[in-house]
C-alpha cells in the first residue's frame, strides 16, 4: 500500500491528512511535507492519521522529528488517531506522553494553541 498525503488550512492550522502506510519507504514523503510546512512558516500542525493502516519506527521517527522542528518555533504538532492498532504503538513506545493525540480532527484543531 502507498501513502496518501493532502494538506489544507483549517482555522489557521495546517492539517496534513495521511492515509495508507507510513513505513521506511513512504515516511520520507511525510517528512518532506512537514519540513516544507515549517520552512514556509506553518508552526501549528495537525497530522490526521485516521486513515493510516500501518506505522513503523521510521514513521514514528518522522513524527518526532516534526515535533522537534515545530518546537523550535514554539509551535505544536498534534495527532488525530482513533484506531486502536495505531494507538497501541504510541502507548508501547511511551509517545502518548510526547504527542497530544485526539480522537477527532475538530478536537485537535480546537486544542491547537495559537499565538
PDB file of N, CA and C in Angstrom:
ATOM      1  N   UNK A   1       0.843  -1.187   0.000  1.00  0.00           N
ATOM      2  CA  UNK A   1       0.000   0.000   0.000  1.00  0.00           C
ATOM      3  C   UNK A   1       0.883   1.243   0.000  1.00  0.00           C
ATOM      4  N   UNK A   2       0.397   2.265  -0.634  1.00  0.00           N
ATOM      5  CA  UNK A   2       1.137   3.513  -0.760  1.00  0.00           C
ATOM      6  C   UNK A   2       0.703   4.492   0.329  1.00  0.00           C
ATOM      7  N   UNK A   3       1.268   5.662   0.267  1.00  0.00           N
ATOM      8  CA  UNK A   3       0.950   6.721   1.220  1.00  0.00           C
ATOM      9  C   UNK A   3       0.196   7.819   0.491  1.00  0.00           C
ATOM     10  N   UNK A   4      -0.898   8.270   1.073  1.00  0.00           N
ATOM     11  CA  UNK A   4      -1.594   9.431   0.512  1.00  0.00           C
ATOM     12  C   UNK A   4      -1.413  10.597   1.475  1.00  0.00           C
ATOM     13  N   UNK A   5      -1.144  11.763   0.904  1.00  0.00           N
ATOM     14  CA  UNK A   5      -0.933  12.978   1.694  1.00  0.00           C
ATOM     15  C   UNK A   5      -1.730  14.111   1.077  1.00  0.00           C
ATOM     16  N   UNK A   6      -2.392  14.872   1.911  1.00  0.00           N
ATOM     17  CA  UNK A   6      -3.016  16.115   1.446  1.00  0.00           C
ATOM     18  C   UNK A   6      -2.918  17.120   2.584  1.00  0.00           C
ATOM     19  N   UNK A   7      -2.715  18.367   2.204  1.00  0.00           N
ATOM     20  CA  UNK A   7      -2.550  19.422   3.201  1.00  0.00           C
ATOM     21  C   UNK A   7      -3.554  20.522   2.940  1.00  0.00           C
ATOM     22  N   UNK A   8      -4.135  21.024   4.016  1.00  0.00           N
ATOM     23  CA  UNK A   8      -5.059  22.146   3.911  1.00  0.00           C
ATOM     24  C   UNK A   8      -4.924  22.983   5.179  1.00  0.00           C
ATOM     25  N   UNK A   9      -5.525  24.149   5.152  1.00  0.00           N
ATOM     26  CA  UNK A   9      -5.533  25.010   6.325  1.00  0.00           C
ATOM     27  C   UNK A   9      -6.931  25.015   6.902  1.00  0.00           C
ATOM     28  N   UNK A  10      -7.009  24.858   8.215  1.00  0.00           N
ATOM     29  CA  UNK A  10      -8.296  24.872   8.897  1.00  0.00           C
ATOM     30  C   UNK A  10      -8.145  25.689  10.174  1.00  0.00           C
ATOM     31  N   UNK A  11      -8.890  26.751  10.281  1.00  0.00           N
ATOM     32  CA  UNK A  11      -8.837  27.643  11.447  1.00  0.00           C
ATOM     33  C   UNK A  11      -7.415  28.104  11.754  1.00  0.00           C
ATOM     34  N   UNK A  12      -6.659  28.395  10.708  1.00  0.00           N
ATOM     35  CA  UNK A  12      -5.303  28.895  10.885  1.00  0.00           C
ATOM     36  C   UNK A  12      -4.264  27.827  11.177  1.00  0.00           C
ATOM     37  N   UNK A  13      -4.658  26.571  11.182  1.00  0.00           N
ATOM     38  CA  UNK A  13      -3.722  25.476  11.411  1.00  0.00           C
ATOM     39  C   UNK A  13      -3.510  24.708  10.117  1.00  0.00           C
ATOM     40  N   UNK A  14      -2.335  24.137   9.966  1.00  0.00           N
ATOM     41  CA  UNK A  14      -2.076  23.272   8.815  1.00  0.00           C
ATOM     42  C   UNK A  14      -2.477  21.856   9.182  1.00  0.00           C
ATOM     43  N   UNK A  15      -3.353  21.274   8.383  1.00  0.00           N
ATOM     44  CA  UNK A  15      -3.809  19.910   8.606  1.00  0.00           C
ATOM     45  C   UNK A  15      -3.233  19.032   7.504  1.00  0.00           C
ATOM     46  N   UNK A  16      -2.480  18.019   7.912  1.00  0.00           N
ATOM     47  CA  UNK A  16      -1.918  17.056   6.972  1.00  0.00           C
ATOM     48  C   UNK A  16      -2.691  15.754   7.142  1.00  0.00           C
ATOM     49  N   UNK A  17      -3.496  15.422   6.135  1.00  0.00           N
ATOM     50  CA  UNK A  17      -4.256  14.173   6.172  1.00  0.00           C
ATOM     51  C   UNK A  17      -3.390  13.079   5.551  1.00  0.00           C
ATOM     52  N   UNK A  18      -3.196  12.014   6.314  1.00  0.00           N
ATOM     53  CA  UNK A  18      -2.317  10.924   5.893  1.00  0.00           C
ATOM     54  C   UNK A  18      -3.130   9.645   5.811  1.00  0.00           C
ATOM     55  N   UNK A  19      -2.898   8.877   4.761  1.00  0.00           N
ATOM     56  CA  UNK A  19      -3.576   7.600   4.610  1.00  0.00           C
ATOM     57  C   UNK A  19      -2.619   6.548   4.093  1.00  0.00           C
ATOM     58  N   UNK A  20      -2.936   5.296   4.369  1.00  0.00           N
ATOM     59  CA  UNK A  20      -2.100   4.199   3.891  1.00  0.00           C
ATOM     60  C   UNK A  20      -1.067   3.790   4.915  1.00  0.00           C
ATOM     61  N   UNK A  21       0.147   3.537   4.430  1.00  0.00           N
ATOM     62  CA  UNK A  21       1.216   3.046   5.294  1.00  0.00           C
ATOM     63  C   UNK A  21       2.313   4.082   5.449  1.00  0.00           C
ATOM     64  N   UNK A  22       2.732   4.294   6.693  1.00  0.00           N
ATOM     65  CA  UNK A  22       3.886   5.152   6.964  1.00  0.00           C
ATOM     66  C   UNK A  22       5.003   4.212   7.402  1.00  0.00           C
ATOM     67  N   UNK A  23       5.892   3.915   6.456  1.00  0.00           N
ATOM     68  CA  UNK A  23       6.966   2.973   6.739  1.00  0.00           C
ATOM     69  C   UNK A  23       8.279   3.486   6.169  1.00  0.00           C
ATOM     70  N   UNK A  24       9.280   2.627   6.171  1.00  0.00           N
ATOM     71  CA  UNK A  24      10.616   3.033   5.737  1.00  0.00           C
ATOM     72  C   UNK A  24      10.612   3.563   4.300  1.00  0.00           C
ATOM     73  N   UNK A  25       9.684   3.106   3.480  1.00  0.00           N
ATOM     74  CA  UNK A  25       9.629   3.528   2.082  1.00  0.00           C
ATOM     75  C   UNK A  25       8.860   4.822   1.879  1.00  0.00           C
ATOM     76  N   UNK A  26       7.816   5.033   2.675  1.00  0.00           N
ATOM     77  CA  UNK A  26       6.935   6.179   2.446  1.00  0.00           C
ATOM     78  C   UNK A  26       7.162   7.335   3.415  1.00  0.00           C
ATOM     79  N   UNK A  27       7.780   7.062   4.552  1.00  0.00           N
ATOM     80  CA  UNK A  27       7.968   8.091   5.580  1.00  0.00           C
ATOM     81  C   UNK A  27       8.715   9.332   5.065  1.00  0.00           C
ATOM     82  N   UNK A  28       9.689   9.184   4.164  1.00  0.00           N
ATOM     83  CA  UNK A  28      10.367  10.401   3.667  1.00  0.00           C
ATOM     84  C   UNK A  28       9.412  11.413   3.025  1.00  0.00           C
ATOM     85  N   UNK A  29       8.338  10.949   2.412  1.00  0.00           N
ATOM     86  CA  UNK A  29       7.355  11.885   1.831  1.00  0.00           C
ATOM     87  C   UNK A  29       6.666  12.693   2.917  1.00  0.00           C
ATOM     88  N   UNK A  30       6.314  12.043   4.017  1.00  0.00           N
ATOM     89  CA  UNK A  30       5.691  12.753   5.130  1.00  0.00           C
ATOM     90  C   UNK A  30       6.687  13.731   5.747  1.00  0.00           C
ATOM     91  N   UNK A  31       7.926  13.284   5.931  1.00  0.00           N
ATOM     92  CA  UNK A  31       8.959  14.169   6.478  1.00  0.00           C
ATOM     93  C   UNK A  31       9.127  15.408   5.591  1.00  0.00           C
ATOM     94  N   UNK A  32       9.210  15.208   4.289  1.00  0.00           N
ATOM     95  CA  UNK A  32       9.361  16.340   3.367  1.00  0.00           C
ATOM     96  C   UNK A  32       8.195  17.310   3.488  1.00  0.00           C
ATOM     97  N   UNK A  33       6.985  16.778   3.642  1.00  0.00           N
ATOM     98  CA  UNK A  33       5.799  17.627   3.779  1.00  0.00           C
ATOM     99  C   UNK A  33       5.868  18.450   5.059  1.00  0.00           C
ATOM    100  N   UNK A  34       6.260  17.820   6.164  1.00  0.00           N
ATOM    101  CA  UNK A  34       6.360  18.534   7.442  1.00  0.00           C
ATOM    102  C   UNK A  34       7.462  19.593   7.395  1.00  0.00           C
ATOM    103  N   UNK A  35       8.599  19.247   6.812  1.00  0.00           N
ATOM    104  CA  UNK A  35       9.707  20.206   6.685  1.00  0.00           C
ATOM    105  C   UNK A  35       9.276  21.393   5.833  1.00  0.00           C
ATOM    106  N   UNK A  36       8.593  21.114   4.738  1.00  0.00           N
ATOM    107  CA  UNK A  36       8.132  22.189   3.847  1.00  0.00           C
ATOM    108  C   UNK A  36       7.168  23.132   4.575  1.00  0.00           C
ATOM    109  N   UNK A  37       6.253  22.570   5.357  1.00  0.00           N
ATOM    110  CA  UNK A  37       5.311  23.405   6.100  1.00  0.00           C
ATOM    111  C   UNK A  37       6.036  24.313   7.088  1.00  0.00           C
ATOM    112  N   UNK A  38       6.947  23.736   7.878  1.00  0.00           N
ATOM    113  CA  UNK A  38       7.663  24.529   8.876  1.00  0.00           C
ATOM    114  C   UNK A  38       8.545  25.575   8.196  1.00  0.00           C
ATOM    115  N   UNK A  39       9.225  25.172   7.138  1.00  0.00           N
ATOM    116  CA  UNK A  39      10.088  26.116   6.428  1.00  0.00           C
ATOM    117  C   UNK A  39       9.308  27.281   5.824  1.00  0.00           C
ATOM    118  N   UNK A  40       8.021  27.066   5.559  1.00  0.00           N
ATOM    119  CA  UNK A  40       7.202  28.146   4.998  1.00  0.00           C
ATOM    120  C   UNK A  40       6.401  28.879   6.078  1.00  0.00           C
ATOM    121  N   UNK A  41       6.757  28.638   7.352  1.00  0.00           N
ATOM    122  CA  UNK A  41       6.174  29.430   8.431  1.00  0.00           C
ATOM    123  C   UNK A  41       4.944  28.851   9.098  1.00  0.00           C
ATOM    124  N   UNK A  42       4.632  27.589   8.829  1.00  0.00           N
ATOM    125  CA  UNK A  42       3.481  26.936   9.461  1.00  0.00           C
ATOM    126  C   UNK A  42       3.980  26.146  10.665  1.00  0.00           C
ATOM    127  N   UNK A  43       3.717  26.662  11.866  1.00  0.00           N
ATOM    128  CA  UNK A  43       4.268  26.063  13.081  1.00  0.00           C
ATOM    129  C   UNK A  43       3.232  25.331  13.926  1.00  0.00           C
ATOM    130  N   UNK A  44       1.978  25.391  13.544  1.00  0.00           N
ATOM    131  CA  UNK A  44       0.917  24.679  14.261  1.00  0.00           C
ATOM    132  C   UNK A  44       0.307  23.681  13.283  1.00  0.00           C
ATOM    133  N   UNK A  45       0.671  22.426  13.482  1.00  0.00           N
ATOM    134  CA  UNK A  45       0.326  21.376  12.521  1.00  0.00           C
ATOM    135  C   UNK A  45      -0.487  20.288  13.214  1.00  0.00           C
ATOM    136  N   UNK A  46      -1.505  19.820  12.514  1.00  0.00           N
ATOM    137  CA  UNK A  46      -2.293  18.677  12.951  1.00  0.00           C
ATOM    138  C   UNK A  46      -2.090  17.588  11.899  1.00  0.00           C
ATOM    139  N   UNK A  47      -1.641  16.419  12.349  1.00  0.00           N
ATOM    140  CA  UNK A  47      -1.487  15.281  11.437  1.00  0.00           C
ATOM    141  C   UNK A  47      -2.675  14.353  11.671  1.00  0.00           C
ATOM    142  N   UNK A  48      -3.530  14.275  10.657  1.00  0.00           N
ATOM    143  CA  UNK A  48      -4.733  13.454  10.724  1.00  0.00           C
ATOM    144  C   UNK A  48      -4.374  12.043  10.253  1.00  0.00           C
ATOM    145  N   UNK A  49      -4.298  11.119  11.196  1.00  0.00           N
ATOM    146  CA  UNK A  49      -3.868   9.754  10.911  1.00  0.00           C
ATOM    147  C   UNK A  49      -5.019   8.748  10.937  1.00  0.00           C
ATOM    148  N   UNK A  50      -6.231   9.213  10.806  1.00  0.00           N
ATOM    149  CA  UNK A  50      -7.376   8.298  10.897  1.00  0.00           C
ATOM    150  C   UNK A  50      -7.411   7.268   9.780  1.00  0.00           C
ATOM    151  N   UNK A  51      -6.758   7.564   8.645  1.00  0.00           N
ATOM    152  CA  UNK A  51      -6.755   6.631   7.512  1.00  0.00           C
ATOM    153  C   UNK A  51      -5.447   5.855   7.392  1.00  0.00           C
ATOM    154  N   UNK A  52      -4.589   5.942   8.417  1.00  0.00           N
ATOM    155  CA  UNK A  52      -3.312   5.221   8.389  1.00  0.00           C
ATOM    156  C   UNK A  52      -3.566   3.757   8.738  1.00  0.00           C
ATOM    157  N   UNK A  53      -3.057   2.871   7.880  1.00  0.00           N
ATOM    158  CA  UNK A  53      -3.236   1.429   8.074  1.00  0.00           C
ATOM    159  C   UNK A  53      -2.059   0.792   8.798  1.00  0.00           C
ATOM    160  N   UNK A  54      -0.870   1.406   8.678  1.00  0.00           N
ATOM    161  CA  UNK A  54       0.343   0.819   9.238  1.00  0.00           C
ATOM    162  C   UNK A  54       1.318   1.929   9.576  1.00  0.00           C
ATOM    163  N   UNK A  55       2.025   1.762  10.686  1.00  0.00           N
ATOM    164  CA  UNK A  55       3.013   2.744  11.132  1.00  0.00           C
ATOM    165  C   UNK A  55       4.196   1.990  11.710  1.00  0.00           C
ATOM    166  N   UNK A  56       5.410   2.255  11.189  1.00  0.00           N
ATOM    167  CA  UNK A  56       6.587   1.598  11.751  1.00  0.00           C
ATOM    168  C   UNK A  56       7.480   2.618  12.449  1.00  0.00           C
ATOM    169  N   UNK A  57       8.640   2.160  12.897  1.00  0.00           N
ATOM    170  CA  UNK A  57       9.538   3.022  13.668  1.00  0.00           C
ATOM    171  C   UNK A  57      10.049   4.196  12.845  1.00  0.00           C
ATOM    172  N   UNK A  58      10.188   4.016  11.553  1.00  0.00           N
ATOM    173  CA  UNK A  58      10.619   5.130  10.705  1.00  0.00           C
ATOM    174  C   UNK A  58       9.564   6.225  10.707  1.00  0.00           C
ATOM    175  N   UNK A  59       8.309   5.818  10.615  1.00  0.00           N
ATOM    176  CA  UNK A  59       7.210   6.782  10.669  1.00  0.00           C
ATOM    177  C   UNK A  59       7.154   7.498  12.004  1.00  0.00           C
ATOM    178  N   UNK A  60       7.378   6.765  13.087  1.00  0.00           N
ATOM    179  CA  UNK A  60       7.411   7.395  14.409  1.00  0.00           C
ATOM    180  C   UNK A  60       8.532   8.420  14.474  1.00  0.00           C
ATOM    181  N   UNK A  61       9.684   8.070  13.897  1.00  0.00           N
ATOM    182  CA  UNK A  61      10.816   8.990  13.880  1.00  0.00           C
ATOM    183  C   UNK A  61      10.518  10.265  13.128  1.00  0.00           C
ATOM    184  N   UNK A  62       9.787  10.158  12.034  1.00  0.00           N
ATOM    185  CA  UNK A  62       9.400  11.337  11.256  1.00  0.00           C
ATOM    186  C   UNK A  62       8.490  12.236  12.080  1.00  0.00           C
ATOM    187  N   UNK A  63       7.541  11.646  12.796  1.00  0.00           N
ATOM    188  CA  UNK A  63       6.635  12.439  13.631  1.00  0.00           C
ATOM    189  C   UNK A  63       7.389  13.125  14.768  1.00  0.00           C
ATOM    190  N   UNK A  64       8.310  12.407  15.404  1.00  0.00           N
ATOM    191  CA  UNK A  64       9.113  13.007  16.473  1.00  0.00           C
ATOM    192  C   UNK A  64       9.967  14.141  15.909  1.00  0.00           C
ATOM    193  N   UNK A  65      10.548  13.924  14.729  1.00  0.00           N
ATOM    194  CA  UNK A  65      11.327  14.980  14.086  1.00  0.00           C
ATOM    195  C   UNK A  65      10.484  16.204  13.774  1.00  0.00           C
ATOM    196  N   UNK A  66       9.247  15.985  13.333  1.00  0.00           N
ATOM    197  CA  UNK A  66       8.336  17.098  13.076  1.00  0.00           C
ATOM    198  C   UNK A  66       8.007  17.861  14.336  1.00  0.00           C
ATOM    199  N   UNK A  67       7.816  17.120  15.435  1.00  0.00           N
ATOM    200  CA  UNK A  67       7.532  17.750  16.721  1.00  0.00           C
ATOM    201  C   UNK A  67       8.705  18.627  17.163  1.00  0.00           C
ATOM    202  N   UNK A  68       9.907  18.121  17.005  1.00  0.00           N
ATOM    203  CA  UNK A  68      11.094  18.899  17.368  1.00  0.00           C
ATOM    204  C   UNK A  68      11.212  20.147  16.497  1.00  0.00           C
ATOM    205  N   UNK A  69      10.923  19.990  15.216  1.00  0.00           N
ATOM    206  CA  UNK A  69      11.041  21.114  14.284  1.00  0.00           C
ATOM    207  C   UNK A  69      10.066  22.238  14.629  1.00  0.00           C
ATOM    208  N   UNK A  70       8.798  21.899  14.899  1.00  0.00           N
ATOM    209  CA  UNK A  70       7.836  22.957  15.251  1.00  0.00           C
ATOM    210  C   UNK A  70       8.144  23.516  16.630  1.00  0.00           C
ATOM    211  N   UNK A  71       8.705  22.680  17.506  1.00  0.00           N
ATOM    212  CA  UNK A  71       9.060  23.128  18.845  1.00  0.00           C
ATOM    213  C   UNK A  71      10.120  24.222  18.843  1.00  0.00           C
ATOM    214  N   UNK A  72      10.971  24.217  17.837  1.00  0.00           N
ATOM    215  CA  UNK A  72      11.991  25.259  17.714  1.00  0.00           C
ATOM    216  C   UNK A  72      11.369  26.624  17.447  1.00  0.00           C
ATOM    217  N   UNK A  73      10.108  26.620  17.058  1.00  0.00           N
ATOM    218  CA  UNK A  73       9.391  27.868  16.744  1.00  0.00           C
ATOM    219  C   UNK A  73       8.214  28.065  17.692  1.00  0.00           C
ATOM    220  N   UNK A  74       8.266  27.416  18.859  1.00  0.00           N
ATOM    221  CA  UNK A  74       7.160  27.453  19.828  1.00  0.00           C
ATOM    222  C   UNK A  74       5.839  27.027  19.199  1.00  0.00           C
ATOM    223  N   UNK A  75       5.925  26.078  18.286  1.00  0.00           N
ATOM    224  CA  UNK A  75       4.736  25.584  17.601  1.00  0.00           C
ATOM    225  C   UNK A  75       4.188  24.334  18.269  1.00  0.00           C
ATOM    226  N   UNK A  76       3.287  23.667  17.569  1.00  0.00           N
ATOM    227  CA  UNK A  76       2.669  22.450  18.095  1.00  0.00           C
ATOM    228  C   UNK A  76       2.443  21.459  16.971  1.00  0.00           C
ATOM    229  N   UNK A  77       2.518  20.189  17.319  1.00  0.00           N
ATOM    230  CA  UNK A  77       2.185  19.125  16.383  1.00  0.00           C
ATOM    231  C   UNK A  77       1.262  18.174  17.123  1.00  0.00           C
ATOM    232  N   UNK A  78       0.022  18.125  16.686  1.00  0.00           N
ATOM    233  CA  UNK A  78      -0.995  17.282  17.312  1.00  0.00           C
ATOM    234  C   UNK A  78      -1.389  16.182  16.333  1.00  0.00           C
ATOM    235  N   UNK A  79      -1.765  15.052  16.883  1.00  0.00           N
ATOM    236  CA  UNK A  79      -2.152  13.911  16.063  1.00  0.00           C
ATOM    237  C   UNK A  79      -3.635  13.620  16.241  1.00  0.00           C
ATOM    238  N   UNK A  80      -4.253  13.177  15.167  1.00  0.00           N
ATOM    239  CA  UNK A  80      -5.624  12.673  15.227  1.00  0.00           C
ATOM    240  C   UNK A  80      -5.534  11.187  14.903  1.00  0.00           C
ATOM    241  N   UNK A  81      -5.944  10.365  15.852  1.00  0.00           N
ATOM    242  CA  UNK A  81      -5.863   8.918  15.658  1.00  0.00           C
ATOM    243  C   UNK A  81      -6.948   8.261  16.490  1.00  0.00           C
ATOM    244  N   UNK A  82      -7.752   7.424  15.841  1.00  0.00           N
ATOM    245  CA  UNK A  82      -8.816   6.741  16.565  1.00  0.00           C
ATOM    246  C   UNK A  82      -8.789   5.228  16.334  1.00  0.00           C
ATOM    247  N   UNK A  83      -7.680   4.747  15.785  1.00  0.00           N
ATOM    248  CA  UNK A  83      -7.551   3.317  15.522  1.00  0.00           C
ATOM    249  C   UNK A  83      -6.709   2.669  16.612  1.00  0.00           C
ATOM    250  N   UNK A  84      -7.257   1.666  17.244  1.00  0.00           N
ATOM    251  CA  UNK A  84      -6.588   1.023  18.370  1.00  0.00           C
ATOM    252  C   UNK A  84      -5.218   0.468  17.986  1.00  0.00           C
ATOM    253  N   UNK A  85      -5.095  -0.135  16.817  1.00  0.00           N
ATOM    254  CA  UNK A  85      -3.806  -0.745  16.460  1.00  0.00           C
ATOM    255  C   UNK A  85      -2.702   0.291  16.299  1.00  0.00           C
ATOM    256  N   UNK A  86      -3.048   1.509  15.891  1.00  0.00           N
ATOM    257  CA  UNK A  86      -2.051   2.578  15.771  1.00  0.00           C
ATOM    258  C   UNK A  86      -1.813   3.219  17.141  1.00  0.00           C
ATOM    259  N   UNK A  87      -2.868   3.433  17.892  1.00  0.00           N
ATOM    260  CA  UNK A  87      -2.725   3.996  19.238  1.00  0.00           C
ATOM    261  C   UNK A  87      -1.853   3.113  20.120  1.00  0.00           C
ATOM    262  N   UNK A  88      -1.961   1.802  19.943  1.00  0.00           N
ATOM    263  CA  UNK A  88      -1.169   0.855  20.728  1.00  0.00           C
ATOM    264  C   UNK A  88       0.330   1.095  20.522  1.00  0.00           C
ATOM    265  N   UNK A  89       0.731   1.418  19.308  1.00  0.00           N
ATOM    266  CA  UNK A  89       2.138   1.703  19.013  1.00  0.00           C
ATOM    267  C   UNK A  89       2.611   2.912  19.818  1.00  0.00           C
ATOM    268  N   UNK A  90       1.784   3.944  19.885  1.00  0.00           N
ATOM    269  CA  UNK A  90       2.147   5.133  20.662  1.00  0.00           C
ATOM    270  C   UNK A  90       2.224   4.813  22.158  1.00  0.00           C
ATOM    271  N   UNK A  91       1.317   3.970  22.644  1.00  0.00           N
ATOM    272  CA  UNK A  91       1.344   3.593  24.065  1.00  0.00           C
ATOM    273  C   UNK A  91       2.589   2.765  24.393  1.00  0.00           C
ATOM    274  N   UNK A  92       2.873   1.763  23.574  1.00  0.00           N
ATOM    275  CA  UNK A  92       4.018   0.873  23.817  1.00  0.00           C
ATOM    276  C   UNK A  92       5.324   1.652  23.833  1.00  0.00           C
ATOM    277  N   UNK A  93       5.454   2.632  22.945  1.00  0.00           N
ATOM    278  CA  UNK A  93       6.697   3.402  22.841  1.00  0.00           C
ATOM    279  C   UNK A  93       6.759   4.564  23.825  1.00  0.00           C
ATOM    280  N   UNK A  94       5.676   4.799  24.551  1.00  0.00           N
ATOM    281  CA  UNK A  94       5.654   5.906  25.502  1.00  0.00           C
ATOM    282  C   UNK A  94       5.404   7.255  24.852  1.00  0.00           C
ATOM    283  N   UNK A  95       5.098   7.265  23.558  1.00  0.00           N
ATOM    284  CA  UNK A  95       4.918   8.532  22.842  1.00  0.00           C
ATOM    285  C   UNK A  95       3.573   9.194  23.116  1.00  0.00           C
ATOM    286  N   UNK A  96       2.693   8.516  23.853  1.00  0.00           N
ATOM    287  CA  UNK A  96       1.448   9.180  24.260  1.00  0.00           C
ATOM    288  C   UNK A  96       1.753  10.298  25.245  1.00  0.00           C
ATOM    289  N   UNK A  97       2.925  10.248  25.873  1.00  0.00           N
ATOM    290  CA  UNK A  97       3.343  11.304  26.797  1.00  0.00           C
ATOM    291  C   UNK A  97       3.983  12.476  26.051  1.00  0.00           C
ATOM    292  N   UNK A  98       4.332  12.251  24.798  1.00  0.00           N
ATOM    293  CA  UNK A  98       5.033  13.256  23.996  1.00  0.00           C
ATOM    294  C   UNK A  98       4.076  13.991  23.061  1.00  0.00           C
ATOM    295  N   UNK A  99       3.157  13.244  22.464  1.00  0.00           N
ATOM    296  CA  UNK A  99       2.233  13.813  21.487  1.00  0.00           C
ATOM    297  C   UNK A  99       0.848  14.001  22.082  1.00  0.00           C
ATOM    298  N   UNK A 100       0.235  15.159  21.844  1.00  0.00           N
ATOM    299  CA  UNK A 100      -1.198  15.278  22.120  1.00  0.00           C
ATOM    300  C   UNK A 100      -1.944  14.489  21.032  1.00  0.00           C
ATOM    301  N   UNK A 101      -2.703  13.482  21.432  1.00  0.00           N
ATOM    302  CA  UNK A 101      -3.428  12.640  20.472  1.00  0.00           C
ATOM    303  C   UNK A 101      -4.922  12.823  20.704  1.00  0.00           C
ATOM    304  N   UNK A 102      -5.630  13.140  19.637  1.00  0.00           N
ATOM    305  CA  UNK A 102      -7.067  13.418  19.703  1.00  0.00           C
ATOM    306  C   UNK A 102      -7.834  12.400  18.875  1.00  0.00           C
ATOM    307  N   UNK A 103      -9.079  12.158  19.259  1.00  0.00           N
ATOM    308  CA  UNK A 103      -9.928  11.223  18.518  1.00  0.00           C
ATOM    309  C   UNK A 103     -10.508  11.849  17.262  1.00  0.00           C
ATOM    310  N   UNK A 104     -10.758  13.165  17.292  1.00  0.00           N
ATOM    311  CA  UNK A 104     -11.366  13.821  16.142  1.00  0.00           C
ATOM    312  C   UNK A 104     -10.522  15.008  15.683  1.00  0.00           C
ATOM    313  N   UNK A 105     -10.674  15.332  14.429  1.00  0.00           N
ATOM    314  CA  UNK A 105      -9.979  16.481  13.865  1.00  0.00           C
ATOM    315  C   UNK A 105     -10.458  17.768  14.532  1.00  0.00           C
ATOM    316  N   UNK A 106     -11.735  17.839  14.824  1.00  0.00           N
ATOM    317  CA  UNK A 106     -12.291  19.031  15.459  1.00  0.00           C
ATOM    318  C   UNK A 106     -11.630  19.299  16.809  1.00  0.00           C
ATOM    319  N   UNK A 107     -11.443  18.241  17.602  1.00  0.00           N
ATOM    320  CA  UNK A 107     -10.774  18.389  18.901  1.00  0.00           C
ATOM    321  C   UNK A 107      -9.352  18.900  18.727  1.00  0.00           C
ATOM    322  N   UNK A 108      -8.636  18.327  17.795  1.00  0.00           N
ATOM    323  CA  UNK A 108      -7.230  18.703  17.589  1.00  0.00           C
ATOM    324  C   UNK A 108      -7.102  20.143  17.121  1.00  0.00           C
ATOM    325  N   UNK A 109      -7.944  20.545  16.196  1.00  0.00           N
ATOM    326  CA  UNK A 109      -7.886  21.920  15.687  1.00  0.00           C
ATOM    327  C   UNK A 109      -8.256  22.899  16.793  1.00  0.00           C
ATOM    328  N   UNK A 110      -9.270  22.572  17.574  1.00  0.00           N
ATOM    329  CA  UNK A 110      -9.687  23.472  18.662  1.00  0.00           C
ATOM    330  C   UNK A 110      -8.630  23.571  19.743  1.00  0.00           C
ATOM    331  N   UNK A 111      -7.874  22.515  19.965  1.00  0.00           N
ATOM    332  CA  UNK A 111      -6.894  22.492  21.049  1.00  0.00           C
ATOM    333  C   UNK A 111      -5.560  23.107  20.670  1.00  0.00           C
ATOM    334  N   UNK A 112      -5.294  23.259  19.402  1.00  0.00           N
ATOM    335  CA  UNK A 112      -4.007  23.768  18.963  1.00  0.00           C
ATOM    336  C   UNK A 112      -3.863  25.211  19.422  1.00  0.00           C
ATOM    337  N   UNK A 113      -2.827  25.449  20.188  1.00  0.00           N
ATOM    338  CA  UNK A 113      -2.599  26.797  20.711  1.00  0.00           C
ATOM    339  C   UNK A 113      -1.995  27.681  19.630  1.00  0.00           C
ATOM    340  N   UNK A 114      -2.549  28.840  19.482  1.00  0.00           N
ATOM    341  CA  UNK A 114      -2.056  29.804  18.506  1.00  0.00           C
ATOM    342  C   UNK A 114      -1.557  31.025  19.258  1.00  0.00           C
ATOM    343  N   UNK A 115      -0.530  31.665  18.734  1.00  0.00           N
ATOM    344  CA  UNK A 115      -0.016  32.877  19.418  1.00  0.00           C
ATOM    345  C   UNK A 115      -1.019  34.004  19.427  1.00  0.00           C
TER     346      UNK A 115
END
